[in-house]
Amino acid sequence: MKKLKNKDLQRINIEEFKIAKKTPITIVLDNVRSALNIGSVFRTSDAFLIENIILCGITATPPNKEIRKTSLGSTDSVNWEYVENTTDAVQQLIKEEYYVIGVEQTEKSTLLTEFELPEKPIAIIMGNEVNGVKQQAIDLCNEVIEIPQFGTKHSLNIAVTTGIVIWDLWRKLNA
């Protein structure tokens, strides 16, 4: 097996990305503190042609040195916007008929492995590294999902969690 070089991968350019059919998922980042995590979410969103990222509250916005470090330029390809209040962003998504999903551990959360796709665009709310998704945003969700975990820790890094959730939803959407 020969390892491929970047030129062999035949990736699309930014202009082609902008006009490509997008995966009907919007990511909402609710007060994410780490710009490195934000950049990683952009990079994963680029990989799966995610429709949009909404940055809320204290979440840093491009241009930002730490975002740029992990995004590797994907802030130029992935559509994004800033909305100060997460609940305002979620309420707008509800008006636009998105199925809003919080990614959080709650008393009635659905395991990601058991989640069934709705027949409408999806918005995923990812929370702060310490406090998770705000309760006010959870209260607006159609459903809350969580990733099954079997070790001693209670949570995963937000960038890792976003990657797992996007991959699972992308796989289900393209099955």
N, C-alpha and C. Protein backbone atom coordinates (compact mmCIF):
# COMPACT_ATOMS: atom_id res chain seq x y z
N MET A 1 0.83 -1.17 0.00
CA MET A 1 0.00 0.00 0.00
C MET A 1 0.87 1.24 0.00
N LYS A 2 0.60 2.13 -0.91
CA LYS A 2 1.37 3.38 -1.01
C LYS A 2 0.57 4.52 -0.41
N LYS A 3 1.20 5.25 0.49
CA LYS A 3 0.56 6.42 1.09
C LYS A 3 0.35 7.49 0.02
N LEU A 4 -0.85 8.11 0.02
CA LEU A 4 -1.16 9.14 -0.97
C LEU A 4 -0.62 10.50 -0.53
N LYS A 5 -0.22 11.28 -1.51
CA LYS A 5 0.18 12.66 -1.26
C LYS A 5 -1.04 13.55 -1.45
N ASN A 6 -0.99 14.77 -0.92
CA ASN A 6 -2.12 15.69 -1.04
C ASN A 6 -2.60 15.85 -2.48
N LYS A 7 -1.67 15.95 -3.43
CA LYS A 7 -2.05 16.14 -4.84
C LYS A 7 -2.82 14.93 -5.39
N ASP A 8 -2.65 13.75 -4.78
CA ASP A 8 -3.33 12.54 -5.23
C ASP A 8 -4.77 12.44 -4.71
N LEU A 9 -5.13 13.25 -3.73
CA LEU A 9 -6.43 13.13 -3.08
C LEU A 9 -7.58 13.73 -3.88
N GLN A 10 -7.28 14.59 -4.83
CA GLN A 10 -8.28 15.20 -5.71
C GLN A 10 -9.43 15.85 -4.93
N ARG A 11 -9.08 16.68 -3.98
CA ARG A 11 -10.07 17.42 -3.20
C ARG A 11 -10.58 18.59 -4.01
N ILE A 12 -11.79 19.04 -3.67
CA ILE A 12 -12.36 20.20 -4.35
C ILE A 12 -11.72 21.47 -3.80
N ASN A 13 -11.78 22.54 -4.58
CA ASN A 13 -11.26 23.81 -4.08
C ASN A 13 -12.38 24.60 -3.40
N ILE A 14 -12.06 25.77 -2.86
CA ILE A 14 -13.04 26.55 -2.09
C ILE A 14 -14.24 26.94 -2.95
N GLU A 15 -13.99 27.35 -4.18
CA GLU A 15 -15.11 27.73 -5.06
C GLU A 15 -16.03 26.55 -5.32
N GLU A 16 -15.46 25.37 -5.54
CA GLU A 16 -16.27 24.16 -5.75
C GLU A 16 -17.02 23.78 -4.48
N PHE A 17 -16.36 23.97 -3.33
CA PHE A 17 -17.01 23.70 -2.04
C PHE A 17 -18.25 24.59 -1.88
N LYS A 18 -18.10 25.87 -2.20
CA LYS A 18 -19.20 26.82 -2.01
C LYS A 18 -20.45 26.44 -2.80
N ILE A 19 -20.27 25.83 -3.99
CA ILE A 19 -21.43 25.48 -4.82
C ILE A 19 -21.85 24.01 -4.68
N ALA A 20 -21.07 23.23 -3.96
CA ALA A 20 -21.38 21.80 -3.79
C ALA A 20 -22.65 21.62 -2.96
N LYS A 21 -23.36 20.53 -3.20
CA LYS A 21 -24.53 20.18 -2.39
C LYS A 21 -24.03 19.90 -0.97
N LYS A 22 -24.65 20.57 -0.01
CA LYS A 22 -24.22 20.45 1.38
C LYS A 22 -25.00 19.38 2.14
N THR A 23 -24.38 18.87 3.17
CA THR A 23 -25.04 17.98 4.11
C THR A 23 -25.97 18.85 4.95
N PRO A 24 -27.26 18.49 5.05
CA PRO A 24 -28.24 19.38 5.70
C PRO A 24 -28.13 19.39 7.24
N ILE A 25 -26.96 19.82 7.69
CA ILE A 25 -26.68 19.91 9.12
C ILE A 25 -26.09 21.29 9.41
N THR A 26 -26.60 21.93 10.45
CA THR A 26 -26.03 23.17 10.97
C THR A 26 -25.51 22.87 12.37
N ILE A 27 -24.30 23.32 12.65
CA ILE A 27 -23.68 23.14 13.96
C ILE A 27 -23.81 24.46 14.72
N VAL A 28 -24.32 24.40 15.95
CA VAL A 28 -24.41 25.56 16.82
C VAL A 28 -23.41 25.36 17.95
N LEU A 29 -22.46 26.28 18.07
CA LEU A 29 -21.48 26.20 19.15
C LEU A 29 -21.90 27.16 20.25
N ASP A 30 -22.30 26.60 21.38
CA ASP A 30 -22.85 27.34 22.51
C ASP A 30 -21.74 27.68 23.51
N ASN A 31 -21.18 28.88 23.38
CA ASN A 31 -20.17 29.36 24.32
C ASN A 31 -18.95 28.44 24.45
N VAL A 32 -18.42 28.01 23.32
CA VAL A 32 -17.23 27.15 23.32
C VAL A 32 -16.02 28.04 23.60
N ARG A 33 -15.24 27.67 24.59
CA ARG A 33 -14.13 28.50 25.06
C ARG A 33 -12.86 28.38 24.24
N SER A 34 -12.55 27.20 23.76
CA SER A 34 -11.27 26.96 23.11
C SER A 34 -11.35 27.23 21.61
N ALA A 35 -10.55 28.20 21.16
CA ALA A 35 -10.49 28.49 19.73
C ALA A 35 -9.90 27.30 18.96
N LEU A 36 -9.05 26.50 19.61
CA LEU A 36 -8.53 25.30 18.96
C LEU A 36 -9.65 24.31 18.68
N ASN A 37 -10.57 24.15 19.64
CA ASN A 37 -11.73 23.28 19.42
C ASN A 37 -12.61 23.83 18.29
N ILE A 38 -12.79 25.13 18.26
CA ILE A 38 -13.61 25.76 17.21
C ILE A 38 -13.00 25.48 15.84
N GLY A 39 -11.69 25.66 15.73
CA GLY A 39 -11.01 25.38 14.47
C GLY A 39 -11.17 23.93 14.04
N SER A 40 -11.11 23.02 15.00
CA SER A 40 -11.29 21.60 14.69
C SER A 40 -12.71 21.32 14.19
N VAL A 41 -13.70 22.00 14.77
CA VAL A 41 -15.09 21.84 14.30
C VAL A 41 -15.20 22.34 12.86
N PHE A 42 -14.57 23.45 12.54
CA PHE A 42 -14.58 23.94 11.15
C PHE A 42 -13.96 22.91 10.21
N ARG A 43 -12.85 22.34 10.61
CA ARG A 43 -12.14 21.38 9.74
C ARG A 43 -12.99 20.13 9.50
N THR A 44 -13.61 19.63 10.56
CA THR A 44 -14.50 18.47 10.41
C THR A 44 -15.71 18.83 9.55
N SER A 45 -16.25 20.02 9.74
CA SER A 45 -17.40 20.47 8.96
C SER A 45 -17.05 20.58 7.48
N ASP A 46 -15.84 21.01 7.18
CA ASP A 46 -15.38 21.05 5.79
C ASP A 46 -15.33 19.63 5.21
N ALA A 47 -14.80 18.71 5.99
CA ALA A 47 -14.63 17.33 5.50
C ALA A 47 -15.96 16.69 5.11
N PHE A 48 -17.04 17.07 5.79
CA PHE A 48 -18.35 16.46 5.54
C PHE A 48 -19.35 17.40 4.89
N LEU A 49 -18.86 18.50 4.29
CA LEU A 49 -19.71 19.46 3.56
C LEU A 49 -20.88 19.94 4.40
N ILE A 50 -20.62 20.28 5.65
CA ILE A 50 -21.68 20.76 6.55
C ILE A 50 -22.18 22.11 6.06
N GLU A 51 -23.48 22.30 6.15
CA GLU A 51 -24.16 23.48 5.62
C GLU A 51 -23.73 24.79 6.28
N ASN A 52 -23.61 24.80 7.63
CA ASN A 52 -23.41 26.07 8.32
C ASN A 52 -22.94 25.81 9.75
N ILE A 53 -22.18 26.77 10.29
CA ILE A 53 -21.83 26.78 11.70
C ILE A 53 -22.30 28.11 12.28
N ILE A 54 -22.98 28.05 13.41
CA ILE A 54 -23.39 29.26 14.11
C ILE A 54 -22.59 29.34 15.40
N LEU A 55 -21.84 30.42 15.55
CA LEU A 55 -20.98 30.65 16.71
C LEU A 55 -21.73 31.58 17.66
N CYS A 56 -21.86 31.16 18.92
CA CYS A 56 -22.68 31.91 19.88
C CYS A 56 -21.91 32.27 21.14
N GLY A 57 -22.31 33.40 21.73
CA GLY A 57 -21.78 33.81 23.03
C GLY A 57 -20.30 34.09 22.98
N ILE A 58 -19.54 33.47 23.89
CA ILE A 58 -18.10 33.71 23.99
C ILE A 58 -17.30 32.95 22.94
N THR A 59 -17.96 32.17 22.10
CA THR A 59 -17.28 31.40 21.06
C THR A 59 -16.51 32.37 20.14
N ALA A 60 -15.22 32.15 19.99
CA ALA A 60 -14.39 33.00 19.13
C ALA A 60 -14.82 32.87 17.68
N THR A 61 -14.56 33.91 16.90
CA THR A 61 -14.90 33.91 15.48
C THR A 61 -13.65 34.15 14.65
N PRO A 62 -13.66 33.66 13.42
CA PRO A 62 -12.55 33.99 12.51
C PRO A 62 -12.56 35.49 12.20
N PRO A 63 -11.44 36.10 11.89
CA PRO A 63 -10.11 35.49 11.91
C PRO A 63 -9.57 35.42 13.34
N ASN A 64 -8.94 34.33 13.65
CA ASN A 64 -8.39 34.10 14.98
C ASN A 64 -7.22 33.15 14.81
N LYS A 65 -6.09 33.50 15.39
CA LYS A 65 -4.86 32.72 15.23
C LYS A 65 -5.04 31.26 15.64
N GLU A 66 -5.68 31.01 16.78
CA GLU A 66 -5.84 29.62 17.24
C GLU A 66 -6.86 28.87 16.39
N ILE A 67 -7.92 29.52 15.96
CA ILE A 67 -8.87 28.86 15.05
C ILE A 67 -8.14 28.47 13.77
N ARG A 68 -7.38 29.41 13.23
CA ARG A 68 -6.65 29.17 11.98
C ARG A 68 -5.69 27.99 12.11
N LYS A 69 -5.08 27.84 13.29
CA LYS A 69 -4.10 26.77 13.51
C LYS A 69 -4.71 25.39 13.29
N THR A 70 -5.93 25.16 13.78
CA THR A 70 -6.54 23.83 13.65
C THR A 70 -7.52 23.73 12.49
N SER A 71 -8.01 24.85 12.00
CA SER A 71 -8.98 24.80 10.90
C SER A 71 -8.32 24.59 9.55
N LEU A 72 -7.04 24.93 9.46
CA LEU A 72 -6.27 24.80 8.21
C LEU A 72 -6.98 25.43 7.01
N GLY A 73 -7.58 26.60 7.23
CA GLY A 73 -8.21 27.32 6.13
C GLY A 73 -9.68 27.01 5.91
N SER A 74 -10.24 26.09 6.67
CA SER A 74 -11.64 25.72 6.44
C SER A 74 -12.63 26.81 6.85
N THR A 75 -12.15 27.85 7.53
CA THR A 75 -13.03 28.99 7.82
C THR A 75 -13.36 29.75 6.54
N ASP A 76 -12.58 29.53 5.49
CA ASP A 76 -12.86 30.15 4.19
C ASP A 76 -13.86 29.34 3.37
N SER A 77 -13.98 28.06 3.66
CA SER A 77 -14.90 27.22 2.88
C SER A 77 -16.25 27.05 3.56
N VAL A 78 -16.27 26.80 4.85
CA VAL A 78 -17.51 26.51 5.56
C VAL A 78 -18.24 27.82 5.89
N ASN A 79 -19.52 27.88 5.56
CA ASN A 79 -20.34 29.04 5.88
C ASN A 79 -20.51 29.14 7.39
N TRP A 80 -20.37 30.34 7.94
CA TRP A 80 -20.55 30.53 9.37
C TRP A 80 -21.15 31.90 9.64
N GLU A 81 -21.73 32.03 10.82
CA GLU A 81 -22.27 33.31 11.26
C GLU A 81 -22.15 33.38 12.78
N TYR A 82 -22.22 34.59 13.30
CA TYR A 82 -22.18 34.79 14.74
C TYR A 82 -23.54 35.30 15.21
N VAL A 83 -24.08 34.66 16.26
CA VAL A 83 -25.30 35.11 16.92
C VAL A 83 -24.96 35.17 18.41
N GLU A 84 -25.15 36.31 19.01
CA GLU A 84 -24.71 36.49 20.40
C GLU A 84 -25.37 35.51 21.36
N ASN A 85 -26.68 35.33 21.25
CA ASN A 85 -27.43 34.51 22.19
C ASN A 85 -27.80 33.17 21.55
N THR A 86 -27.40 32.09 22.19
CA THR A 86 -27.67 30.75 21.65
C THR A 86 -29.16 30.50 21.48
N THR A 87 -29.96 30.91 22.45
CA THR A 87 -31.41 30.65 22.33
C THR A 87 -32.01 31.42 21.16
N ASP A 88 -31.50 32.60 20.87
CA ASP A 88 -31.98 33.34 19.69
C ASP A 88 -31.66 32.56 18.42
N ALA A 89 -30.45 32.00 18.35
CA ALA A 89 -30.05 31.21 17.18
C ALA A 89 -30.95 29.98 17.04
N VAL A 90 -31.21 29.30 18.16
CA VAL A 90 -32.04 28.09 18.12
C VAL A 90 -33.49 28.43 17.74
N GLN A 91 -34.01 29.50 18.28
CA GLN A 91 -35.37 29.90 17.93
C GLN A 91 -35.49 30.21 16.44
N GLN A 92 -34.47 30.82 15.85
CA GLN A 92 -34.49 31.09 14.41
C GLN A 92 -34.46 29.78 13.63
N LEU A 93 -33.65 28.83 14.07
CA LEU A 93 -33.59 27.53 13.40
C LEU A 93 -34.94 26.80 13.47
N ILE A 94 -35.60 26.93 14.60
CA ILE A 94 -36.93 26.32 14.75
C ILE A 94 -37.90 26.96 13.76
N LYS A 95 -37.85 28.27 13.61
CA LYS A 95 -38.70 28.97 12.63
C LYS A 95 -38.42 28.49 11.22
N GLU A 96 -37.16 28.14 10.96
CA GLU A 96 -36.75 27.64 9.64
C GLU A 96 -37.00 26.14 9.51
N GLU A 97 -37.68 25.55 10.48
CA GLU A 97 -38.11 24.15 10.48
C GLU A 97 -36.96 23.15 10.55
N TYR A 98 -35.93 23.50 11.29
CA TYR A 98 -34.87 22.54 11.59
C TYR A 98 -35.31 21.64 12.73
N TYR A 99 -34.81 20.42 12.73
CA TYR A 99 -34.95 19.51 13.85
C TYR A 99 -33.75 19.77 14.74
N VAL A 100 -33.98 20.32 15.92
CA VAL A 100 -32.89 20.77 16.78
C VAL A 100 -32.52 19.68 17.79
N ILE A 101 -31.24 19.35 17.79
CA ILE A 101 -30.72 18.28 18.64
C ILE A 101 -29.64 18.86 19.55
N GLY A 102 -29.81 18.67 20.84
CA GLY A 102 -28.74 19.01 21.78
C GLY A 102 -27.87 17.78 21.96
N VAL A 103 -26.59 17.99 22.07
CA VAL A 103 -25.67 16.88 22.37
C VAL A 103 -25.26 17.07 23.82
N GLU A 104 -25.89 16.26 24.67
CA GLU A 104 -25.74 16.46 26.11
C GLU A 104 -26.21 15.21 26.84
N GLN A 105 -25.82 15.07 28.08
CA GLN A 105 -26.31 13.99 28.93
C GLN A 105 -27.50 14.52 29.73
N THR A 106 -28.68 13.99 29.45
CA THR A 106 -29.89 14.40 30.15
C THR A 106 -30.64 13.16 30.59
N GLU A 107 -31.66 13.36 31.41
CA GLU A 107 -32.42 12.21 31.91
C GLU A 107 -33.18 11.47 30.81
N LYS A 108 -33.44 12.12 29.68
CA LYS A 108 -34.18 11.46 28.60
C LYS A 108 -33.43 11.52 27.27
N SER A 109 -32.10 11.55 27.32
CA SER A 109 -31.36 11.62 26.06
C SER A 109 -31.42 10.28 25.34
N THR A 110 -31.31 10.37 24.00
CA THR A 110 -31.28 9.21 23.12
C THR A 110 -29.83 8.88 22.83
N LEU A 111 -29.47 7.63 22.94
CA LEU A 111 -28.10 7.24 22.57
C LEU A 111 -27.92 7.47 21.07
N LEU A 112 -26.77 7.99 20.69
CA LEU A 112 -26.49 8.26 19.28
C LEU A 112 -26.71 7.01 18.43
N THR A 113 -26.38 5.85 18.96
CA THR A 113 -26.54 4.60 18.22
C THR A 113 -28.00 4.26 17.96
N GLU A 114 -28.92 4.86 18.71
CA GLU A 114 -30.35 4.59 18.55
C GLU A 114 -31.10 5.74 17.89
N PHE A 115 -30.40 6.83 17.60
CA PHE A 115 -31.03 8.01 17.02
C PHE A 115 -31.46 7.73 15.58
N GLU A 116 -32.71 8.09 15.27
CA GLU A 116 -33.24 7.95 13.91
C GLU A 116 -33.39 9.32 13.29
N LEU A 117 -32.99 9.43 12.04
CA LEU A 117 -33.01 10.71 11.34
C LEU A 117 -34.42 11.24 11.15
N PRO A 118 -34.62 12.53 11.37
CA PRO A 118 -35.90 13.16 11.04
C PRO A 118 -35.92 13.46 9.53
N GLU A 119 -37.07 13.83 9.02
CA GLU A 119 -37.17 14.16 7.60
C GLU A 119 -37.13 15.67 7.40
N LYS A 120 -36.17 16.31 8.01
CA LYS A 120 -35.96 17.75 7.86
C LYS A 120 -34.50 18.05 8.16
N PRO A 121 -34.04 19.26 7.84
CA PRO A 121 -32.65 19.60 8.16
C PRO A 121 -32.41 19.52 9.67
N ILE A 122 -31.16 19.26 10.02
CA ILE A 122 -30.78 19.05 11.42
C ILE A 122 -29.90 20.19 11.90
N ALA A 123 -30.15 20.63 13.13
CA ALA A 123 -29.24 21.55 13.81
C ALA A 123 -28.75 20.84 15.07
N ILE A 124 -27.44 20.85 15.26
CA ILE A 124 -26.82 20.19 16.41
C ILE A 124 -26.22 21.25 17.31
N ILE A 125 -26.61 21.25 18.57
CA ILE A 125 -26.04 22.20 19.54
C ILE A 125 -24.94 21.51 20.33
N MET A 126 -23.74 22.08 20.23
CA MET A 126 -22.59 21.59 20.98
C MET A 126 -22.28 22.60 22.07
N GLY A 127 -22.00 22.12 23.29
CA GLY A 127 -21.87 23.01 24.42
C GLY A 127 -20.47 23.36 24.86
N ASN A 128 -20.43 24.20 25.85
CA ASN A 128 -19.22 24.68 26.49
C ASN A 128 -18.44 23.51 27.10
N GLU A 129 -17.12 23.61 27.08
CA GLU A 129 -16.26 22.52 27.55
C GLU A 129 -16.46 22.15 29.01
N VAL A 130 -16.92 23.08 29.83
CA VAL A 130 -17.11 22.79 31.25
C VAL A 130 -18.59 22.57 31.58
N ASN A 131 -19.45 23.45 31.10
CA ASN A 131 -20.87 23.43 31.49
C ASN A 131 -21.81 22.78 30.48
N GLY A 132 -21.30 22.40 29.33
CA GLY A 132 -22.15 21.76 28.32
C GLY A 132 -23.10 22.75 27.67
N VAL A 133 -24.21 22.22 27.15
CA VAL A 133 -25.22 23.04 26.49
C VAL A 133 -26.09 23.69 27.56
N LYS A 134 -26.35 24.99 27.42
CA LYS A 134 -27.20 25.71 28.38
C LYS A 134 -28.57 25.04 28.48
N GLN A 135 -29.13 25.02 29.68
CA GLN A 135 -30.46 24.44 29.90
C GLN A 135 -31.52 25.15 29.04
N GLN A 136 -31.40 26.47 28.86
CA GLN A 136 -32.37 27.20 28.05
C GLN A 136 -32.38 26.69 26.60
N ALA A 137 -31.22 26.30 26.10
CA ALA A 137 -31.13 25.73 24.74
C ALA A 137 -31.68 24.30 24.74
N ILE A 138 -31.35 23.53 25.76
CA ILE A 138 -31.88 22.16 25.87
C ILE A 138 -33.41 22.19 25.85
N ASP A 139 -33.99 23.15 26.55
CA ASP A 139 -35.45 23.26 26.62
C ASP A 139 -36.10 23.48 25.26
N LEU A 140 -35.34 23.99 24.30
CA LEU A 140 -35.87 24.26 22.95
C LEU A 140 -35.66 23.09 21.98
N CYS A 141 -34.90 22.10 22.40
CA CYS A 141 -34.54 20.99 21.50
C CYS A 141 -35.72 20.05 21.23
N ASN A 142 -35.73 19.51 20.01
CA ASN A 142 -36.66 18.44 19.69
C ASN A 142 -36.24 17.14 20.34
N GLU A 143 -34.93 17.00 20.50
CA GLU A 143 -34.38 15.77 21.05
C GLU A 143 -32.96 16.06 21.55
N VAL A 144 -32.51 15.26 22.50
CA VAL A 144 -31.14 15.35 23.00
C VAL A 144 -30.51 13.98 22.79
N ILE A 145 -29.31 13.99 22.24
CA ILE A 145 -28.58 12.74 22.03
C ILE A 145 -27.30 12.76 22.84
N GLU A 146 -26.82 11.56 23.14
CA GLU A 146 -25.51 11.44 23.79
C GLU A 146 -24.77 10.25 23.21
N ILE A 147 -23.46 10.35 23.25
CA ILE A 147 -22.59 9.27 22.77
C ILE A 147 -22.40 8.28 23.91
N PRO A 148 -22.65 6.99 23.67
CA PRO A 148 -22.41 6.01 24.73
C PRO A 148 -20.93 6.02 25.12
N GLN A 149 -20.67 5.96 26.41
CA GLN A 149 -19.30 5.93 26.92
C GLN A 149 -19.19 4.83 27.97
N PHE A 150 -18.03 4.20 28.02
CA PHE A 150 -17.89 3.02 28.87
C PHE A 150 -16.74 3.10 29.86
N GLY A 151 -15.99 4.18 29.82
CA GLY A 151 -14.84 4.32 30.71
C GLY A 151 -15.17 5.09 31.97
N THR A 152 -14.15 5.66 32.59
CA THR A 152 -14.32 6.35 33.86
C THR A 152 -14.69 7.82 33.70
N LYS A 153 -14.45 8.41 32.55
CA LYS A 153 -14.71 9.84 32.34
C LYS A 153 -16.18 10.04 31.94
N HIS A 154 -16.67 11.24 32.23
CA HIS A 154 -18.08 11.55 32.00
C HIS A 154 -18.33 12.29 30.69
N SER A 155 -17.27 12.69 30.00
CA SER A 155 -17.48 13.46 28.78
C SER A 155 -16.29 13.29 27.84
N LEU A 156 -16.51 13.76 26.62
CA LEU A 156 -15.47 13.78 25.60
C LEU A 156 -15.17 15.24 25.22
N ASN A 157 -14.02 15.48 24.65
CA ASN A 157 -13.69 16.80 24.14
C ASN A 157 -14.73 17.22 23.11
N ILE A 158 -15.08 18.50 23.09
CA ILE A 158 -16.14 18.99 22.18
C ILE A 158 -15.80 18.77 20.71
N ALA A 159 -14.53 18.93 20.33
CA ALA A 159 -14.16 18.69 18.93
C ALA A 159 -14.29 17.21 18.57
N VAL A 160 -13.91 16.35 19.49
CA VAL A 160 -14.03 14.90 19.27
C VAL A 160 -15.52 14.53 19.19
N THR A 161 -16.31 15.03 20.12
CA THR A 161 -17.74 14.75 20.14
C THR A 161 -18.40 15.20 18.84
N THR A 162 -18.06 16.41 18.39
CA THR A 162 -18.65 16.92 17.15
C THR A 162 -18.28 16.01 15.99
N GLY A 163 -17.04 15.57 15.93
CA GLY A 163 -16.62 14.67 14.85
C GLY A 163 -17.38 13.35 14.86
N ILE A 164 -17.56 12.78 16.03
CA ILE A 164 -18.29 11.51 16.14
C ILE A 164 -19.74 11.70 15.70
N VAL A 165 -20.38 12.77 16.18
CA VAL A 165 -21.79 13.00 15.85
C VAL A 165 -21.96 13.29 14.35
N ILE A 166 -21.10 14.15 13.80
CA ILE A 166 -21.19 14.45 12.36
C ILE A 166 -21.00 13.18 11.55
N TRP A 167 -20.00 12.39 11.89
CA TRP A 167 -19.74 11.14 11.14
C TRP A 167 -20.96 10.23 11.18
N ASP A 168 -21.54 10.04 12.37
CA ASP A 168 -22.68 9.13 12.50
C ASP A 168 -23.88 9.66 11.70
N LEU A 169 -24.16 10.96 11.80
CA LEU A 169 -25.30 11.51 11.05
C LEU A 169 -25.03 11.48 9.55
N TRP A 170 -23.82 11.80 9.12
CA TRP A 170 -23.47 11.75 7.70
C TRP A 170 -23.66 10.33 7.16
N ARG A 171 -23.20 9.36 7.93
CA ARG A 171 -23.31 7.96 7.51
C ARG A 171 -24.77 7.56 7.36
N LYS A 172 -25.62 7.98 8.32
CA LYS A 172 -27.04 7.67 8.25
C LYS A 172 -27.72 8.39 7.09
N LEU A 173 -27.34 9.63 6.85
CA LEU A 173 -27.92 10.40 5.74
C LEU A 173 -27.54 9.83 4.38
N ASN A 174 -26.39 9.18 4.31
CA ASN A 174 -25.88 8.68 3.02
C ASN A 174 -25.93 7.16 2.91
N ALA A 175 -26.73 6.53 3.77
CA ALA A 175 -26.83 5.06 3.74
C ALA A 175 -27.65 4.60 2.54
